[in-house]
Protein backbone atom coordinates (compact mmCIF):
# COMPACT_ATOMS: atom_id res chain seq x y z
CA MET A 1 107.37 109.66 117.67
CA ILE A 2 106.58 107.76 114.49
CA LYS A 3 105.75 104.06 114.40
CA ARG A 4 104.93 102.23 111.19
CA ILE A 5 102.57 99.24 111.13
CA SER A 6 102.78 96.81 108.23
CA SER A 7 100.10 94.29 107.36
CA GLY A 8 102.58 92.28 105.29
CA GLY A 9 100.60 92.86 102.10
CA GLU A 10 102.50 92.41 98.85
CA PHE A 11 101.84 95.95 97.63
CA GLU A 12 103.32 97.65 100.69
CA ALA A 13 106.87 96.85 99.54
CA LYS A 14 106.09 97.29 95.83
CA ILE A 15 104.52 100.72 96.21
CA GLY A 16 106.30 101.95 99.33
CA TYR A 17 103.66 102.41 102.00
CA CYS A 18 102.47 100.74 105.17
CA ARG A 19 99.00 99.93 106.47
CA ALA A 20 99.16 102.49 109.28
CA VAL A 21 101.42 105.08 110.83
CA ILE A 22 101.27 106.31 114.40
CA ALA A 23 102.54 109.88 114.33
CA GLY A 24 102.29 111.93 117.49
CA ASP A 25 98.72 111.88 118.71
CA PHE A 26 97.22 110.19 115.66
CA VAL A 27 96.98 106.87 113.87
CA HIS A 28 96.73 107.27 110.08
CA VAL A 29 95.40 104.16 108.31
CA SER A 30 96.09 103.94 104.58
CA GLY A 31 93.31 103.77 102.04
CA THR A 32 92.02 100.21 102.24
CA VAL A 33 90.06 98.12 99.77
CA GLY A 34 88.41 94.83 100.61
CA GLN A 35 87.47 91.61 98.91
CA GLY A 36 84.00 90.53 97.84
CA ASP A 37 81.56 90.42 94.96
CA ASP A 38 79.74 93.67 95.74
CA VAL A 39 80.29 97.01 97.43
CA VAL A 40 78.79 95.93 100.78
CA ALA A 41 81.01 92.85 101.01
CA GLN A 42 84.05 94.94 100.06
CA CYS A 43 83.10 97.59 102.62
CA LYS A 44 82.87 94.98 105.40
CA SER A 45 86.17 93.43 104.34
CA ALA A 46 87.96 96.80 104.21
CA LEU A 47 86.64 97.65 107.68
CA GLU A 48 87.96 94.34 109.04
CA ILE A 49 91.42 95.18 107.69
CA ILE A 50 91.22 98.70 109.10
CA GLY A 51 90.01 97.35 112.45
CA ALA A 52 93.03 95.03 112.65
CA ALA A 53 95.40 97.94 111.89
CA LEU A 54 93.75 100.07 114.56
CA GLU A 55 94.04 97.21 117.03
CA ASP A 56 97.75 96.82 116.19
CA ALA A 57 98.10 100.53 117.01
CA GLY A 58 96.25 100.11 120.31
CA ALA A 59 93.19 101.98 119.02
CA SER A 60 89.67 101.08 117.86
CA PHE A 61 86.86 102.45 115.72
CA ALA A 62 85.74 104.44 118.79
CA ASP A 63 88.97 106.45 118.42
CA VAL A 64 88.43 107.35 114.75
CA VAL A 65 88.07 111.10 114.23
CA ARG A 66 88.07 111.23 110.41
CA VAL A 67 87.02 108.83 107.66
CA ASN A 68 87.23 109.23 103.89
CA TYR A 69 85.30 107.03 101.49
CA TYR A 70 86.25 106.73 97.82
CA LEU A 71 83.88 105.08 95.36
CA PRO A 72 83.84 104.94 91.56
CA ASP A 73 80.02 105.14 91.68
CA ARG A 74 78.42 107.36 94.32
CA ALA A 75 75.15 105.42 93.94
CA GLU A 76 76.88 102.46 95.61
CA PHE A 77 77.55 104.41 98.81
CA GLU A 78 74.04 104.22 100.28
CA PRO A 79 74.00 100.39 100.52
CA CYS A 80 77.06 100.70 102.80
CA TRP A 81 75.41 103.09 105.25
CA PRO A 82 74.05 100.41 107.64
CA VAL A 83 77.49 98.75 107.86
CA LEU A 84 79.16 102.09 108.53
CA ALA A 85 76.58 103.14 111.12
CA GLN A 86 77.04 99.82 112.92
CA THR A 87 80.84 100.09 112.79
CA PHE A 88 81.06 103.59 114.23
CA GLY A 89 77.98 103.34 116.48
CA ASP A 90 77.90 106.02 119.13
CA ASN A 91 81.27 107.42 118.00
CA PRO A 92 80.72 108.79 114.49
CA PRO A 93 83.77 110.52 112.96
CA ALA A 94 83.87 113.47 110.60
CA ALA A 95 83.42 112.00 107.12
CA THR A 96 83.87 112.70 103.42
CA MET A 97 82.75 110.65 100.40
CA ILE A 98 84.45 111.22 97.05
CA GLU A 99 83.47 109.73 93.71
CA CYS A 100 86.63 108.80 91.82
CA GLY A 101 88.47 106.08 89.94
CA LEU A 102 90.18 103.39 92.02
CA ILE A 103 93.34 101.43 91.21
CA ASP A 104 91.39 98.49 89.74
CA PRO A 105 87.80 98.44 88.43
CA LYS A 106 87.01 95.38 90.57
CA PHE A 107 87.24 97.57 93.68
CA ARG A 108 84.00 99.34 94.57
CA ILE A 109 85.07 101.22 97.73
CA GLU A 110 88.26 102.38 99.41
CA ILE A 111 88.26 103.62 103.00
CA GLU A 112 90.90 105.52 104.99
CA VAL A 113 90.73 106.65 108.60
CA THR A 114 92.54 108.82 111.10
CA ALA A 115 92.19 107.95 114.77
CA LEU A 116 93.38 109.39 118.05
CA ALA A 117 96.43 107.44 119.17
CA PRO A 118 96.35 105.65 122.50
CA GLY A 119 97.51 107.98 125.22
């Protein structure tokens, strides 16, 4: 079973992707950037978007088993740690942080998650 979840964002149609895909036992949420003036604000915003996609899939952050963080400057990751610890709480997923270029220099963090699909 495959179910695609669109957020209605303008780039989904332009690029050819959707916010999330439920495939078998997993929910795969696309890499997500957020809005804001700094990395912490963007991190919070991205997590809100991801949370909404998970909710649309019938899942939550408690169901996340894998998270990948992408940042153009690894020094900006540490300020996000409290937000991430609060978001995942007692259910921390396996995680990876990669320093890399993002699609636009205004973006300071991109986050993607994989969660267990509702059973």
